[in-house]
């Protein structure tokens, strides 16, 4: 009898209203936001990885060609290593989470 009254009042069989603003069930918009957040996390991790690799390679190349007297080569190498290391780590976490390896999740990558 109670189930029948809830359905008659415009509620579904689960007891949630179709247009209830406090509905806690995930909907398509929330899932799209979650996918967008994951893409942003992975994109930033890949960006750090690529930019750090480029800076690191450019810095090492500059140090090798101009000698140890160049401050630009040292600065590029330091900046490249500071961006490459976290980029490589979070790219690896994203890859292993995508593969479904136990212990890795996209939640391990910090939000920006």
N, C-alpha and C. Protein backbone atom coordinates (compact mmCIF):
# COMPACT_ATOMS: atom_id res chain seq x y z
N UNK A 1 0.83 -1.18 0.00
CA UNK A 1 0.00 0.00 0.00
C UNK A 1 0.87 1.24 0.00
N UNK A 2 1.93 1.27 0.82
CA UNK A 2 2.81 2.43 0.89
C UNK A 2 3.51 2.66 -0.45
N UNK A 3 3.97 1.62 -1.09
CA UNK A 3 4.65 1.74 -2.36
C UNK A 3 3.70 2.33 -3.40
N UNK A 4 2.45 1.93 -3.35
CA UNK A 4 1.46 2.43 -4.30
C UNK A 4 1.22 3.92 -4.10
N UNK A 5 1.19 4.37 -2.85
CA UNK A 5 0.97 5.79 -2.58
C UNK A 5 2.15 6.63 -3.07
N UNK A 6 3.38 6.12 -2.89
CA UNK A 6 4.54 6.87 -3.33
C UNK A 6 4.56 6.99 -4.84
N UNK A 7 4.20 5.94 -5.54
CA UNK A 7 4.18 6.00 -6.98
C UNK A 7 3.07 6.93 -7.46
N UNK A 8 1.98 6.96 -6.73
CA UNK A 8 0.88 7.84 -7.11
C UNK A 8 1.24 9.30 -6.86
N UNK A 9 2.16 9.56 -5.94
CA UNK A 9 2.55 10.93 -5.63
C UNK A 9 3.65 11.44 -6.57
N UNK A 10 3.96 10.70 -7.63
CA UNK A 10 4.95 11.14 -8.59
C UNK A 10 6.35 10.66 -8.30
N UNK A 11 6.49 9.65 -7.49
CA UNK A 11 7.80 9.12 -7.17
C UNK A 11 8.00 7.80 -7.90
N UNK A 12 9.24 7.48 -8.14
CA UNK A 12 9.55 6.22 -8.79
C UNK A 12 9.49 5.09 -7.77
N UNK A 13 9.74 3.89 -8.24
CA UNK A 13 9.67 2.73 -7.34
C UNK A 13 10.79 2.75 -6.31
N UNK A 14 11.87 3.49 -6.55
CA UNK A 14 12.95 3.55 -5.57
C UNK A 14 12.65 4.55 -4.46
N UNK A 15 11.63 5.38 -4.63
CA UNK A 15 11.27 6.33 -3.59
C UNK A 15 11.79 7.72 -3.85
N UNK A 16 12.52 7.94 -4.92
CA UNK A 16 13.06 9.25 -5.24
C UNK A 16 12.15 9.97 -6.22
N UNK A 17 11.99 11.23 -6.00
CA UNK A 17 11.18 12.03 -6.92
C UNK A 17 11.98 12.28 -8.19
N UNK A 18 11.29 12.39 -9.31
CA UNK A 18 11.96 12.60 -10.58
C UNK A 18 12.60 13.98 -10.67
N UNK A 19 12.00 14.98 -10.04
CA UNK A 19 12.53 16.34 -10.13
C UNK A 19 12.98 16.86 -8.76
N UNK A 20 13.35 15.99 -7.86
CA UNK A 20 13.77 16.37 -6.52
C UNK A 20 15.17 17.00 -6.58
N UNK A 21 15.34 18.26 -6.14
CA UNK A 21 16.66 18.89 -6.20
C UNK A 21 17.65 18.29 -5.21
N UNK A 22 17.18 17.56 -4.24
CA UNK A 22 18.07 16.95 -3.25
C UNK A 22 18.29 15.48 -3.53
N UNK A 23 18.03 15.05 -4.74
CA UNK A 23 18.20 13.67 -5.14
C UNK A 23 19.68 13.32 -5.10
N UNK A 24 20.04 12.24 -4.43
CA UNK A 24 21.44 11.87 -4.26
C UNK A 24 21.91 10.85 -5.28
N UNK A 25 21.04 10.39 -6.16
CA UNK A 25 21.45 9.45 -7.17
C UNK A 25 22.20 10.18 -8.27
N UNK A 26 23.28 9.57 -8.79
CA UNK A 26 24.04 10.25 -9.84
C UNK A 26 23.21 10.36 -11.12
N UNK A 27 23.35 11.47 -11.77
CA UNK A 27 22.65 11.65 -13.04
C UNK A 27 23.69 11.88 -14.13
N UNK A 28 23.23 12.10 -15.33
CA UNK A 28 24.13 12.24 -16.47
C UNK A 28 25.04 13.45 -16.33
N UNK A 29 24.53 14.54 -15.75
CA UNK A 29 25.34 15.75 -15.61
C UNK A 29 26.48 15.52 -14.62
N UNK A 30 26.22 14.84 -13.52
CA UNK A 30 27.27 14.56 -12.55
C UNK A 30 28.32 13.63 -13.14
N UNK A 31 27.90 12.65 -13.91
CA UNK A 31 28.85 11.73 -14.54
C UNK A 31 29.69 12.45 -15.57
N UNK A 32 29.10 13.39 -16.31
CA UNK A 32 29.85 14.17 -17.29
C UNK A 32 30.87 15.06 -16.58
N UNK A 33 30.50 15.65 -15.45
CA UNK A 33 31.44 16.46 -14.68
C UNK A 33 32.60 15.62 -14.16
N UNK A 34 32.30 14.41 -13.72
CA UNK A 34 33.35 13.52 -13.21
C UNK A 34 34.31 13.13 -14.34
N UNK A 35 33.75 12.83 -15.52
CA UNK A 35 34.62 12.49 -16.65
C UNK A 35 35.48 13.69 -17.05
N UNK A 36 34.91 14.88 -17.02
CA UNK A 36 35.65 16.10 -17.36
C UNK A 36 36.78 16.33 -16.35
N UNK A 37 36.52 16.08 -15.08
CA UNK A 37 37.55 16.26 -14.05
C UNK A 37 38.69 15.26 -14.23
N UNK A 38 38.36 14.02 -14.59
CA UNK A 38 39.39 13.02 -14.81
C UNK A 38 40.22 13.38 -16.02
N UNK A 39 39.57 13.84 -17.08
CA UNK A 39 40.31 14.26 -18.28
C UNK A 39 41.24 15.42 -17.96
N UNK A 40 40.79 16.36 -17.13
CA UNK A 40 41.62 17.50 -16.76
C UNK A 40 42.83 17.02 -15.97
N UNK A 41 42.63 16.12 -15.02
CA UNK A 41 43.74 15.59 -14.22
C UNK A 41 44.77 14.90 -15.10
N UNK A 42 44.30 14.04 -16.00
CA UNK A 42 45.22 13.30 -16.86
C UNK A 42 45.90 14.26 -17.84
N UNK A 43 45.17 15.23 -18.35
CA UNK A 43 45.77 16.20 -19.26
C UNK A 43 46.86 17.02 -18.60
N UNK A 44 46.63 17.44 -17.37
CA UNK A 44 47.65 18.20 -16.65
C UNK A 44 48.87 17.34 -16.32
N UNK A 45 48.63 16.07 -15.97
CA UNK A 45 49.76 15.17 -15.70
C UNK A 45 50.58 14.97 -16.96
N UNK A 46 49.91 14.75 -18.10
CA UNK A 46 50.64 14.59 -19.36
C UNK A 46 51.35 15.88 -19.75
N UNK A 47 50.72 17.02 -19.49
CA UNK A 47 51.35 18.30 -19.79
C UNK A 47 52.62 18.51 -19.00
N UNK A 48 52.58 18.19 -17.71
CA UNK A 48 53.79 18.28 -16.89
C UNK A 48 54.88 17.33 -17.39
N UNK A 49 54.47 16.14 -17.77
CA UNK A 49 55.41 15.13 -18.26
C UNK A 49 56.10 15.61 -19.54
N UNK A 50 55.33 16.10 -20.49
CA UNK A 50 55.89 16.52 -21.77
C UNK A 50 56.71 17.80 -21.62
N UNK A 51 56.16 18.80 -20.91
CA UNK A 51 56.89 20.05 -20.73
C UNK A 51 58.17 19.82 -19.94
N UNK A 52 58.10 19.01 -18.90
CA UNK A 52 59.30 18.70 -18.11
C UNK A 52 60.34 17.96 -18.92
N UNK A 53 59.88 17.02 -19.73
CA UNK A 53 60.83 16.30 -20.59
C UNK A 53 61.51 17.22 -21.59
N UNK A 54 60.72 18.14 -22.16
CA UNK A 54 61.31 19.09 -23.10
C UNK A 54 62.29 20.02 -22.44
N UNK A 55 61.93 20.56 -21.29
CA UNK A 55 62.85 21.45 -20.57
C UNK A 55 64.10 20.71 -20.12
N UNK A 56 63.92 19.49 -19.66
CA UNK A 56 65.07 18.71 -19.20
C UNK A 56 66.01 18.40 -20.36
N UNK A 57 65.45 18.00 -21.49
CA UNK A 57 66.29 17.72 -22.67
C UNK A 57 66.97 18.99 -23.18
N UNK A 58 66.23 20.08 -23.22
CA UNK A 58 66.82 21.35 -23.66
C UNK A 58 67.91 21.83 -22.73
N UNK A 59 67.69 21.68 -21.42
CA UNK A 59 68.70 22.10 -20.45
C UNK A 59 69.96 21.26 -20.53
N UNK A 60 69.79 19.97 -20.65
CA UNK A 60 70.96 19.09 -20.76
C UNK A 60 71.69 19.36 -22.08
N UNK A 61 70.92 19.56 -23.15
CA UNK A 61 71.54 19.89 -24.43
C UNK A 61 72.30 21.21 -24.36
N UNK A 62 71.73 22.18 -23.69
CA UNK A 62 72.40 23.48 -23.54
C UNK A 62 73.68 23.36 -22.70
N UNK A 63 73.61 22.54 -21.67
CA UNK A 63 74.81 22.33 -20.84
C UNK A 63 75.91 21.62 -21.62
N UNK A 64 75.53 20.67 -22.46
CA UNK A 64 76.53 19.91 -23.21
C UNK A 64 77.17 20.75 -24.32
N UNK A 65 76.39 21.62 -24.93
CA UNK A 65 76.94 22.38 -26.06
C UNK A 65 77.70 23.63 -25.61
N UNK A 66 77.23 24.31 -24.56
CA UNK A 66 77.88 25.56 -24.18
C UNK A 66 78.80 25.42 -22.97
N UNK A 67 78.87 24.28 -22.40
CA UNK A 67 79.74 24.09 -21.24
C UNK A 67 79.02 24.41 -19.94
N UNK A 68 79.74 24.36 -18.85
CA UNK A 68 79.13 24.55 -17.54
C UNK A 68 78.97 26.01 -17.17
N UNK A 69 79.43 26.94 -18.01
CA UNK A 69 79.35 28.35 -17.71
C UNK A 69 77.97 28.95 -17.98
N UNK A 70 77.09 28.21 -18.62
CA UNK A 70 75.78 28.74 -18.98
C UNK A 70 74.78 28.57 -17.85
N UNK A 71 74.25 29.68 -17.37
CA UNK A 71 73.23 29.61 -16.32
C UNK A 71 71.88 29.19 -16.86
N UNK A 72 71.66 29.41 -18.16
CA UNK A 72 70.38 29.03 -18.76
C UNK A 72 70.21 27.51 -18.79
N UNK A 73 71.29 26.82 -19.06
CA UNK A 73 71.22 25.35 -19.10
C UNK A 73 70.91 24.77 -17.73
N UNK A 74 71.52 25.35 -16.71
CA UNK A 74 71.28 24.88 -15.34
C UNK A 74 69.84 25.17 -14.95
N UNK A 75 69.36 26.37 -15.25
CA UNK A 75 67.98 26.75 -14.90
C UNK A 75 66.97 25.86 -15.62
N UNK A 76 67.21 25.61 -16.89
CA UNK A 76 66.28 24.74 -17.64
C UNK A 76 66.30 23.31 -17.12
N UNK A 77 67.48 22.82 -16.73
CA UNK A 77 67.58 21.46 -16.21
C UNK A 77 66.85 21.34 -14.87
N UNK A 78 67.03 22.34 -14.00
CA UNK A 78 66.35 22.31 -12.70
C UNK A 78 64.85 22.42 -12.88
N UNK A 79 64.40 23.36 -13.69
CA UNK A 79 62.97 23.53 -13.93
C UNK A 79 62.38 22.30 -14.62
N UNK A 80 63.11 21.73 -15.54
CA UNK A 80 62.65 20.52 -16.22
C UNK A 80 62.51 19.34 -15.28
N UNK A 81 63.46 19.19 -14.37
CA UNK A 81 63.37 18.08 -13.42
C UNK A 81 62.23 18.30 -12.43
N UNK A 82 61.97 19.58 -12.05
CA UNK A 82 60.87 19.87 -11.13
C UNK A 82 59.51 19.62 -11.75
N UNK A 83 59.40 19.71 -13.05
CA UNK A 83 58.12 19.44 -13.70
C UNK A 83 58.03 18.01 -14.22
N UNK A 84 59.15 17.44 -14.61
CA UNK A 84 59.14 16.09 -15.17
C UNK A 84 58.82 15.03 -14.12
N UNK A 85 59.39 15.14 -12.95
CA UNK A 85 59.23 14.10 -11.93
C UNK A 85 57.76 13.93 -11.51
N UNK A 86 57.04 14.99 -11.10
CA UNK A 86 55.63 14.77 -10.75
C UNK A 86 54.78 14.41 -11.97
N UNK A 87 55.13 14.94 -13.14
CA UNK A 87 54.39 14.59 -14.35
C UNK A 87 54.52 13.12 -14.68
N UNK A 88 55.72 12.59 -14.57
CA UNK A 88 55.94 11.17 -14.83
C UNK A 88 55.22 10.30 -13.79
N UNK A 89 55.26 10.72 -12.54
CA UNK A 89 54.61 9.95 -11.48
C UNK A 89 53.10 9.89 -11.68
N UNK A 90 52.47 11.05 -11.91
CA UNK A 90 51.01 11.07 -12.04
C UNK A 90 50.54 10.49 -13.37
N UNK A 91 51.36 10.57 -14.40
CA UNK A 91 51.02 9.90 -15.65
C UNK A 91 51.04 8.39 -15.44
N UNK A 92 52.00 7.90 -14.69
CA UNK A 92 52.07 6.46 -14.38
C UNK A 92 50.87 6.03 -13.55
N UNK A 93 50.49 6.83 -12.57
CA UNK A 93 49.31 6.51 -11.75
C UNK A 93 48.06 6.46 -12.62
N UNK A 94 47.91 7.43 -13.52
CA UNK A 94 46.74 7.46 -14.40
C UNK A 94 46.73 6.25 -15.33
N UNK A 95 47.87 5.88 -15.85
CA UNK A 95 47.95 4.72 -16.74
C UNK A 95 47.59 3.43 -16.01
N UNK A 96 48.15 3.25 -14.82
CA UNK A 96 47.87 2.02 -14.07
C UNK A 96 46.42 1.99 -13.58
N UNK A 97 45.85 3.15 -13.25
CA UNK A 97 44.44 3.19 -12.86
C UNK A 97 43.55 2.87 -14.04
N UNK A 98 43.93 3.34 -15.22
CA UNK A 98 43.16 3.03 -16.43
C UNK A 98 43.22 1.54 -16.75
N UNK A 99 44.36 0.92 -16.50
CA UNK A 99 44.51 -0.51 -16.75
C UNK A 99 43.78 -1.36 -15.71
N UNK A 100 43.42 -0.74 -14.57
CA UNK A 100 42.70 -1.46 -13.53
C UNK A 100 43.57 -2.20 -12.55
N UNK A 101 44.80 -1.80 -12.39
CA UNK A 101 45.72 -2.43 -11.45
C UNK A 101 45.27 -2.10 -10.03
N UNK A 102 45.24 -3.11 -9.17
CA UNK A 102 44.82 -2.90 -7.78
C UNK A 102 45.76 -1.92 -7.09
N UNK A 103 45.17 -1.02 -6.30
CA UNK A 103 45.95 -0.06 -5.54
C UNK A 103 46.11 1.28 -6.24
N UNK A 104 45.67 1.40 -7.47
CA UNK A 104 45.77 2.66 -8.20
C UNK A 104 44.39 3.16 -8.57
N UNK A 105 44.16 4.44 -8.39
CA UNK A 105 42.88 5.05 -8.68
C UNK A 105 43.12 6.46 -9.19
N UNK A 106 42.17 6.96 -9.97
CA UNK A 106 42.27 8.34 -10.44
C UNK A 106 42.14 9.33 -9.28
N UNK A 107 41.59 8.86 -8.16
CA UNK A 107 41.49 9.71 -6.97
C UNK A 107 42.85 9.97 -6.34
N UNK A 108 43.87 9.19 -6.73
CA UNK A 108 45.22 9.40 -6.20
C UNK A 108 45.89 10.62 -6.82
N UNK A 109 45.38 11.10 -7.94
CA UNK A 109 45.91 12.29 -8.58
C UNK A 109 45.23 13.49 -7.93
N UNK A 110 45.98 14.47 -7.43
CA UNK A 110 45.35 15.59 -6.72
C UNK A 110 44.51 16.47 -7.65
N UNK A 111 43.48 17.09 -7.08
CA UNK A 111 42.65 18.01 -7.83
C UNK A 111 43.40 19.34 -8.01
N UNK A 112 43.09 19.99 -9.09
CA UNK A 112 43.71 21.29 -9.35
C UNK A 112 42.65 22.36 -9.27
